[in-house]
Amino acid sequence: MNRQIMNSTVTRKQNGAALIIGLVLLMVLTLLAISSMTSSTTEVAMAQNAQYSQNAFQSAETGIDLAIASSNWSTTTVIVVPTAPILGSVGNFYEYDMQFDEVTPVPSGFSIGAGAGFLSYHFDVTSVGTSNRGATATHQQSFYIIGPGNN
């Protein structure tokens, strides 16, 4: 009989404690879930920004490739290509300008060689690639073309 009285007193003292502990644990789990969702959303945005940055980089490289492949090398005027979309992509653009820099003798080691009536025509290309979310990349490339000289 003494045992029954003792059990009923312990039970009365714990009324509602399980509910409070359960609510506190639910609140902690909810905060952890919200925190992890926010973290993953931020990580997805960071990955997208990195991709847009890579797209801008590749767009600038495409501008340089197209400038060199254009075969439109003028020693008197600057060639300016306004912003144009990259074919087969969405939201990626390039623009470039190409200008003549100087004429020098053909560097040694070429089979054409110096003194054979050829010169090196140096050009500079500056290309700007853009992508979504304002990602931009600016690349510069110098190259030269061996052509006939005025000897």
N, C-alpha and C. Protein backbone atom coordinates (compact mmCIF):
# COMPACT_ATOMS: atom_id res chain seq x y z
N MET A 1 0.82 -1.18 0.00
CA MET A 1 0.00 0.00 0.00
C MET A 1 0.86 1.25 0.00
N ASN A 2 1.89 1.24 0.71
CA ASN A 2 2.81 2.35 0.76
C ASN A 2 3.40 2.61 -0.62
N ARG A 3 3.58 1.53 -1.36
CA ARG A 3 4.16 1.64 -2.70
C ARG A 3 3.20 2.35 -3.66
N GLN A 4 1.93 2.12 -3.57
CA GLN A 4 0.95 2.76 -4.45
C GLN A 4 0.87 4.25 -4.19
N ILE A 5 0.96 4.65 -2.96
CA ILE A 5 0.93 6.07 -2.64
C ILE A 5 2.16 6.76 -3.22
N MET A 6 3.29 6.11 -3.15
CA MET A 6 4.54 6.69 -3.64
C MET A 6 4.49 6.85 -5.17
N ASN A 7 3.96 5.86 -5.90
CA ASN A 7 3.87 5.94 -7.36
C ASN A 7 2.92 7.04 -7.80
N SER A 8 1.83 7.23 -7.10
CA SER A 8 0.89 8.26 -7.50
C SER A 8 1.43 9.66 -7.24
N THR A 9 2.28 9.85 -6.23
CA THR A 9 2.88 11.16 -5.98
C THR A 9 3.91 11.50 -7.05
N VAL A 10 4.67 10.52 -7.47
CA VAL A 10 5.68 10.77 -8.52
C VAL A 10 4.98 11.09 -9.83
N THR A 11 3.90 10.43 -10.12
CA THR A 11 3.16 10.66 -11.35
C THR A 11 2.56 12.05 -11.35
N ARG A 12 2.06 12.51 -10.27
CA ARG A 12 1.46 13.84 -10.21
C ARG A 12 2.51 14.93 -10.40
N LYS A 13 3.71 14.74 -9.91
CA LYS A 13 4.75 15.75 -10.04
C LYS A 13 5.23 15.88 -11.49
N GLN A 14 5.08 14.84 -12.32
CA GLN A 14 5.57 14.87 -13.69
C GLN A 14 4.50 15.25 -14.70
N ASN A 15 3.33 15.61 -14.27
CA ASN A 15 2.28 16.00 -15.20
C ASN A 15 2.73 17.20 -16.02
N GLY A 16 2.77 17.07 -17.39
CA GLY A 16 3.11 18.18 -18.27
C GLY A 16 4.59 18.30 -18.59
N ALA A 17 5.46 17.64 -17.88
CA ALA A 17 6.91 17.73 -18.14
C ALA A 17 7.26 17.13 -19.49
N ALA A 18 6.65 16.02 -19.83
CA ALA A 18 6.93 15.38 -21.13
C ALA A 18 6.49 16.28 -22.28
N LEU A 19 5.40 16.99 -22.10
CA LEU A 19 4.93 17.90 -23.14
C LEU A 19 5.92 19.04 -23.36
N ILE A 20 6.40 19.61 -22.29
CA ILE A 20 7.36 20.72 -22.40
C ILE A 20 8.67 20.25 -23.03
N ILE A 21 9.16 19.10 -22.60
CA ILE A 21 10.41 18.57 -23.18
C ILE A 21 10.19 18.24 -24.66
N GLY A 22 9.07 17.66 -24.99
CA GLY A 22 8.76 17.36 -26.39
C GLY A 22 8.69 18.61 -27.24
N LEU A 23 8.07 19.67 -26.74
CA LEU A 23 8.00 20.93 -27.49
C LEU A 23 9.36 21.57 -27.67
N VAL A 24 10.20 21.52 -26.64
CA VAL A 24 11.56 22.07 -26.75
C VAL A 24 12.35 21.29 -27.80
N LEU A 25 12.26 19.97 -27.79
CA LEU A 25 12.97 19.17 -28.79
C LEU A 25 12.45 19.44 -30.20
N LEU A 26 11.15 19.60 -30.35
CA LEU A 26 10.58 19.95 -31.65
C LEU A 26 11.08 21.30 -32.13
N MET A 27 11.18 22.26 -31.22
CA MET A 27 11.69 23.58 -31.59
C MET A 27 13.14 23.50 -32.03
N VAL A 28 13.98 22.73 -31.33
CA VAL A 28 15.38 22.57 -31.70
C VAL A 28 15.49 21.90 -33.07
N LEU A 29 14.70 20.86 -33.31
CA LEU A 29 14.73 20.19 -34.62
C LEU A 29 14.26 21.12 -35.74
N THR A 30 13.26 21.94 -35.47
CA THR A 30 12.78 22.89 -36.46
C THR A 30 13.86 23.91 -36.80
N LEU A 31 14.56 24.42 -35.79
CA LEU A 31 15.64 25.39 -36.03
C LEU A 31 16.78 24.75 -36.83
N LEU A 32 17.11 23.51 -36.54
CA LEU A 32 18.14 22.81 -37.31
C LEU A 32 17.72 22.63 -38.77
N ALA A 33 16.46 22.29 -38.99
CA ALA A 33 15.97 22.11 -40.36
C ALA A 33 16.00 23.42 -41.13
N ILE A 34 15.55 24.50 -40.50
CA ILE A 34 15.57 25.81 -41.17
C ILE A 34 17.00 26.23 -41.47
N SER A 35 17.90 26.01 -40.53
CA SER A 35 19.30 26.37 -40.73
C SER A 35 19.91 25.60 -41.89
N SER A 36 19.66 24.31 -41.97
CA SER A 36 20.23 23.53 -43.07
C SER A 36 19.61 23.90 -44.41
N MET A 37 18.33 24.25 -44.43
CA MET A 37 17.70 24.69 -45.68
C MET A 37 18.30 26.01 -46.16
N THR A 38 18.51 26.92 -45.24
CA THR A 38 19.13 28.21 -45.59
C THR A 38 20.54 28.00 -46.10
N SER A 39 21.28 27.13 -45.44
CA SER A 39 22.64 26.85 -45.85
C SER A 39 22.69 26.23 -47.24
N SER A 40 21.82 25.29 -47.52
CA SER A 40 21.83 24.65 -48.83
C SER A 40 21.38 25.62 -49.92
N THR A 41 20.44 26.51 -49.61
CA THR A 41 20.02 27.52 -50.59
C THR A 41 21.18 28.45 -50.92
N THR A 42 21.94 28.84 -49.91
CA THR A 42 23.11 29.70 -50.13
C THR A 42 24.16 28.98 -50.96
N GLU A 43 24.37 27.70 -50.69
CA GLU A 43 25.36 26.94 -51.45
C GLU A 43 24.95 26.79 -52.92
N VAL A 44 23.67 26.62 -53.17
CA VAL A 44 23.19 26.53 -54.56
C VAL A 44 23.43 27.85 -55.28
N ALA A 45 23.16 28.97 -54.61
CA ALA A 45 23.39 30.29 -55.22
C ALA A 45 24.88 30.49 -55.50
N MET A 46 25.74 30.04 -54.59
CA MET A 46 27.18 30.17 -54.81
C MET A 46 27.63 29.33 -56.00
N ALA A 47 27.08 28.13 -56.14
CA ALA A 47 27.42 27.28 -57.27
C ALA A 47 26.95 27.90 -58.59
N GLN A 48 25.76 28.50 -58.58
CA GLN A 48 25.27 29.17 -59.79
C GLN A 48 26.16 30.35 -60.16
N ASN A 49 26.58 31.13 -59.17
CA ASN A 49 27.46 32.26 -59.44
C ASN A 49 28.79 31.80 -60.02
N ALA A 50 29.32 30.69 -59.51
CA ALA A 50 30.56 30.15 -60.05
C ALA A 50 30.36 29.71 -61.50
N GLN A 51 29.21 29.13 -61.80
CA GLN A 51 28.92 28.72 -63.18
C GLN A 51 28.80 29.93 -64.10
N TYR A 52 28.13 30.98 -63.64
CA TYR A 52 28.01 32.19 -64.46
C TYR A 52 29.38 32.83 -64.68
N SER A 53 30.23 32.78 -63.68
CA SER A 53 31.59 33.30 -63.83
C SER A 53 32.35 32.50 -64.89
N GLN A 54 32.21 31.18 -64.87
CA GLN A 54 32.84 30.34 -65.88
C GLN A 54 32.29 30.63 -67.27
N ASN A 55 30.98 30.86 -67.36
CA ASN A 55 30.37 31.20 -68.65
C ASN A 55 30.93 32.51 -69.19
N ALA A 56 31.11 33.50 -68.31
CA ALA A 56 31.68 34.78 -68.74
C ALA A 56 33.13 34.59 -69.20
N PHE A 57 33.88 33.78 -68.48
CA PHE A 57 35.26 33.46 -68.85
C PHE A 57 35.30 32.85 -70.25
N GLN A 58 34.46 31.84 -70.47
CA GLN A 58 34.43 31.17 -71.76
C GLN A 58 33.94 32.10 -72.87
N SER A 59 33.03 33.02 -72.55
CA SER A 59 32.55 33.98 -73.54
C SER A 59 33.68 34.91 -73.97
N ALA A 60 34.49 35.36 -73.01
CA ALA A 60 35.63 36.22 -73.35
C ALA A 60 36.64 35.46 -74.21
N GLU A 61 36.87 34.20 -73.90
CA GLU A 61 37.77 33.38 -74.71
C GLU A 61 37.22 33.18 -76.12
N THR A 62 35.90 33.02 -76.22
CA THR A 62 35.27 32.89 -77.54
C THR A 62 35.49 34.15 -78.36
N GLY A 63 35.37 35.32 -77.72
CA GLY A 63 35.62 36.58 -78.41
C GLY A 63 37.03 36.65 -78.98
N ILE A 64 38.01 36.21 -78.20
CA ILE A 64 39.40 36.20 -78.68
C ILE A 64 39.56 35.23 -79.84
N ASP A 65 38.98 34.05 -79.70
CA ASP A 65 39.06 33.05 -80.79
C ASP A 65 38.45 33.57 -82.08
N LEU A 66 37.29 34.21 -81.96
CA LEU A 66 36.63 34.73 -83.15
C LEU A 66 37.40 35.90 -83.76
N ALA A 67 38.03 36.71 -82.93
CA ALA A 67 38.82 37.84 -83.44
C ALA A 67 40.00 37.33 -84.27
N ILE A 68 40.70 36.33 -83.73
CA ILE A 68 41.86 35.79 -84.45
C ILE A 68 41.41 35.05 -85.70
N ALA A 69 40.31 34.32 -85.63
CA ALA A 69 39.82 33.54 -86.77
C ALA A 69 39.18 34.41 -87.84
N SER A 70 38.87 35.66 -87.53
CA SER A 70 38.16 36.52 -88.49
C SER A 70 39.00 36.88 -89.70
N SER A 71 40.31 36.82 -89.59
CA SER A 71 41.22 37.21 -90.68
C SER A 71 41.00 38.65 -91.12
N ASN A 72 40.43 39.45 -90.25
CA ASN A 72 40.19 40.86 -90.56
C ASN A 72 41.22 41.70 -89.81
N TRP A 73 42.47 41.60 -90.26
CA TRP A 73 43.56 42.28 -89.58
C TRP A 73 43.90 43.56 -90.32
N SER A 74 43.58 44.66 -89.70
CA SER A 74 43.85 45.96 -90.30
C SER A 74 44.97 46.64 -89.53
N THR A 75 45.93 47.18 -90.28
CA THR A 75 47.03 47.91 -89.64
C THR A 75 46.71 49.39 -89.51
N THR A 76 45.53 49.81 -89.99
CA THR A 76 45.21 51.24 -89.94
C THR A 76 44.02 51.56 -89.03
N THR A 77 43.08 50.65 -88.88
CA THR A 77 41.90 50.95 -88.06
C THR A 77 41.72 49.90 -86.97
N VAL A 78 41.07 50.32 -85.89
CA VAL A 78 40.74 49.39 -84.81
C VAL A 78 39.46 48.66 -85.20
N ILE A 79 39.49 47.35 -85.09
CA ILE A 79 38.31 46.53 -85.39
C ILE A 79 37.52 46.38 -84.09
N VAL A 80 36.29 46.85 -84.09
CA VAL A 80 35.43 46.76 -82.90
C VAL A 80 34.21 45.93 -83.25
N VAL A 81 33.99 44.87 -82.49
CA VAL A 81 32.80 44.04 -82.67
C VAL A 81 31.91 44.29 -81.45
N PRO A 82 30.71 44.85 -81.66
CA PRO A 82 29.82 45.12 -80.52
C PRO A 82 29.31 43.84 -79.88
N THR A 83 28.63 44.00 -78.78
CA THR A 83 28.12 42.86 -78.03
C THR A 83 27.28 41.95 -78.92
N ALA A 84 27.64 40.67 -78.90
CA ALA A 84 26.93 39.68 -79.71
C ALA A 84 26.72 38.43 -78.86
N PRO A 85 25.61 37.73 -79.09
CA PRO A 85 25.36 36.51 -78.31
C PRO A 85 26.23 35.35 -78.78
N ILE A 86 26.54 34.47 -77.86
CA ILE A 86 27.25 33.24 -78.19
C ILE A 86 26.20 32.27 -78.75
N LEU A 87 26.44 31.77 -79.95
CA LEU A 87 25.48 30.86 -80.57
C LEU A 87 25.36 29.58 -79.74
N GLY A 88 24.14 29.13 -79.54
CA GLY A 88 23.90 27.90 -78.80
C GLY A 88 23.88 28.06 -77.29
N SER A 89 23.92 29.30 -76.81
CA SER A 89 23.87 29.51 -75.36
C SER A 89 22.81 30.56 -75.05
N VAL A 90 22.43 30.64 -73.81
CA VAL A 90 21.42 31.61 -73.38
C VAL A 90 22.05 32.55 -72.36
N GLY A 91 22.03 33.84 -72.65
CA GLY A 91 22.52 34.82 -71.69
C GLY A 91 24.01 35.04 -71.69
N ASN A 92 24.74 34.48 -72.67
CA ASN A 92 26.19 34.65 -72.74
C ASN A 92 26.54 35.49 -73.96
N PHE A 93 27.34 36.55 -73.74
CA PHE A 93 27.67 37.49 -74.80
C PHE A 93 29.16 37.77 -74.81
N TYR A 94 29.66 38.22 -75.96
CA TYR A 94 31.05 38.64 -76.08
C TYR A 94 31.10 39.93 -76.88
N GLU A 95 32.17 40.65 -76.71
CA GLU A 95 32.50 41.80 -77.55
C GLU A 95 34.02 41.92 -77.53
N TYR A 96 34.56 42.43 -78.61
CA TYR A 96 36.02 42.58 -78.63
C TYR A 96 36.43 43.74 -79.50
N ASP A 97 37.65 44.19 -79.26
CA ASP A 97 38.29 45.13 -80.18
C ASP A 97 39.69 44.62 -80.45
N MET A 98 40.11 44.80 -81.69
CA MET A 98 41.44 44.34 -82.11
C MET A 98 42.15 45.51 -82.76
N GLN A 99 43.36 45.74 -82.31
CA GLN A 99 44.11 46.85 -82.89
C GLN A 99 45.54 46.43 -83.22
N PHE A 100 46.07 47.08 -84.21
CA PHE A 100 47.44 46.85 -84.64
C PHE A 100 48.38 47.50 -83.65
N ASP A 101 49.47 46.81 -83.32
CA ASP A 101 50.42 47.33 -82.34
C ASP A 101 51.71 47.81 -83.01
N GLU A 102 52.43 46.91 -83.66
CA GLU A 102 53.69 47.30 -84.29
C GLU A 102 54.14 46.25 -85.30
N VAL A 103 55.15 46.62 -86.07
CA VAL A 103 55.78 45.71 -87.02
C VAL A 103 57.20 45.47 -86.54
N THR A 104 57.62 44.21 -86.53
CA THR A 104 58.99 43.87 -86.14
C THR A 104 59.55 42.87 -87.14
N PRO A 105 60.85 42.71 -87.15
CA PRO A 105 61.42 41.65 -88.00
C PRO A 105 60.95 40.29 -87.52
N VAL A 106 60.98 39.32 -88.40
CA VAL A 106 60.58 37.96 -88.05
C VAL A 106 61.56 37.43 -87.01
N PRO A 107 61.04 36.88 -85.90
CA PRO A 107 61.94 36.34 -84.87
C PRO A 107 62.82 35.22 -85.42
N SER A 108 64.00 35.10 -84.86
CA SER A 108 64.91 34.06 -85.33
C SER A 108 64.32 32.69 -85.01
N GLY A 109 64.68 31.72 -85.80
CA GLY A 109 64.20 30.36 -85.57
C GLY A 109 63.07 29.97 -86.50
N PHE A 110 62.51 30.92 -87.25
CA PHE A 110 61.46 30.59 -88.20
C PHE A 110 62.10 30.19 -89.53
N SER A 111 61.48 29.28 -90.23
CA SER A 111 62.02 28.84 -91.51
C SER A 111 61.98 29.97 -92.53
N ILE A 112 61.02 30.92 -92.33
CA ILE A 112 60.94 32.05 -93.26
C ILE A 112 62.15 32.95 -93.04
N GLY A 113 62.48 33.20 -91.79
CA GLY A 113 63.69 33.93 -91.43
C GLY A 113 63.68 35.40 -91.79
N ALA A 114 64.55 36.12 -91.12
CA ALA A 114 64.68 37.56 -91.36
C ALA A 114 65.43 37.79 -92.67
N GLY A 115 65.17 38.90 -93.27
CA GLY A 115 65.86 39.26 -94.49
C GLY A 115 65.28 38.59 -95.73
N ALA A 116 64.19 37.84 -95.57
CA ALA A 116 63.60 37.16 -96.72
C ALA A 116 62.38 37.91 -97.23
N GLY A 117 62.22 39.17 -96.81
CA GLY A 117 61.09 39.97 -97.27
C GLY A 117 59.83 39.81 -96.45
N PHE A 118 59.94 39.27 -95.24
CA PHE A 118 58.78 39.08 -94.37
C PHE A 118 58.96 39.86 -93.07
N LEU A 119 57.83 40.28 -92.50
CA LEU A 119 57.81 40.99 -91.21
C LEU A 119 56.74 40.38 -90.30
N SER A 120 56.86 40.67 -89.00
CA SER A 120 55.86 40.22 -88.02
C SER A 120 54.94 41.40 -87.70
N TYR A 121 53.66 41.20 -87.91
CA TYR A 121 52.66 42.23 -87.63
C TYR A 121 51.97 41.87 -86.31
N HIS A 122 52.18 42.70 -85.29
CA HIS A 122 51.67 42.42 -83.94
C HIS A 122 50.31 43.08 -83.72
N PHE A 123 49.38 42.31 -83.15
CA PHE A 123 48.02 42.79 -82.86
C PHE A 123 47.69 42.50 -81.40
N ASP A 124 46.80 43.31 -80.84
CA ASP A 124 46.28 43.11 -79.48
C ASP A 124 44.76 43.00 -79.54
N VAL A 125 44.22 41.99 -78.88
CA VAL A 125 42.77 41.79 -78.80
C VAL A 125 42.36 41.91 -77.34
N THR A 126 41.32 42.71 -77.09
CA THR A 126 40.71 42.79 -75.77
C THR A 126 39.27 42.32 -75.92
N SER A 127 38.91 41.28 -75.19
CA SER A 127 37.59 40.70 -75.29
C SER A 127 36.91 40.73 -73.92
N VAL A 128 35.62 41.07 -73.93
CA VAL A 128 34.83 41.09 -72.70
C VAL A 128 33.69 40.10 -72.87
N GLY A 129 33.62 39.16 -71.95
CA GLY A 129 32.54 38.18 -71.93
C GLY A 129 31.59 38.48 -70.78
N THR A 130 30.30 38.35 -71.03
CA THR A 130 29.31 38.57 -69.97
C THR A 130 28.36 37.39 -69.90
N SER A 131 27.80 37.21 -68.72
CA SER A 131 26.84 36.14 -68.49
C SER A 131 25.78 36.66 -67.53
N ASN A 132 24.92 35.77 -67.07
CA ASN A 132 23.84 36.14 -66.17
C ASN A 132 24.37 36.67 -64.84
N ARG A 133 23.49 37.37 -64.14
CA ARG A 133 23.78 37.95 -62.82
C ARG A 133 24.98 38.89 -62.84
N GLY A 134 25.25 39.50 -63.99
CA GLY A 134 26.30 40.50 -64.07
C GLY A 134 27.71 39.95 -64.08
N ALA A 135 27.89 38.68 -64.33
CA ALA A 135 29.23 38.10 -64.37
C ALA A 135 29.95 38.60 -65.63
N THR A 136 31.16 39.12 -65.46
CA THR A 136 31.96 39.59 -66.60
C THR A 136 33.39 39.08 -66.47
N ALA A 137 34.03 38.97 -67.61
CA ALA A 137 35.45 38.60 -67.66
C ALA A 137 36.08 39.36 -68.80
N THR A 138 37.23 39.95 -68.56
CA THR A 138 37.95 40.68 -69.60
C THR A 138 39.28 39.99 -69.83
N HIS A 139 39.55 39.64 -71.08
CA HIS A 139 40.79 38.95 -71.44
C HIS A 139 41.51 39.74 -72.53
N GLN A 140 42.81 39.72 -72.44
CA GLN A 140 43.64 40.36 -73.47
C GLN A 140 44.57 39.31 -74.05
N GLN A 141 44.74 39.38 -75.35
CA GLN A 141 45.61 38.44 -76.04
C GLN A 141 46.38 39.20 -77.11
N SER A 142 47.66 38.94 -77.17
CA SER A 142 48.49 39.51 -78.24
C SER A 142 48.91 38.37 -79.16
N PHE A 143 49.03 38.67 -80.43
CA PHE A 143 49.49 37.67 -81.39
C PHE A 143 50.14 38.41 -82.55
N TYR A 144 50.88 37.68 -83.33
CA TYR A 144 51.44 38.29 -84.54
C TYR A 144 51.28 37.38 -85.72
N ILE A 145 51.30 38.03 -86.86
CA ILE A 145 51.13 37.33 -88.13
C ILE A 145 52.35 37.66 -88.99
N ILE A 146 52.88 36.67 -89.59
CA ILE A 146 54.02 36.88 -90.48
C ILE A 146 53.47 37.14 -91.88
N GLY A 147 53.88 38.29 -92.43
CA GLY A 147 53.40 38.67 -93.75
C GLY A 147 54.50 39.34 -94.56
N PRO A 148 54.15 39.70 -95.75
CA PRO A 148 55.18 40.31 -96.62
C PRO A 148 55.61 41.68 -96.07
N GLY A 149 56.88 41.94 -96.24
CA GLY A 149 57.44 43.23 -95.81
C GLY A 149 57.63 44.13 -97.00
N ASN A 150 58.04 45.34 -96.73
CA ASN A 150 58.26 46.31 -97.81
C ASN A 150 59.74 46.45 -98.08
N ASN A 151 60.42 45.36 -98.27
CA ASN A 151 61.88 45.42 -98.53
C ASN A 151 62.14 45.60 -99.99
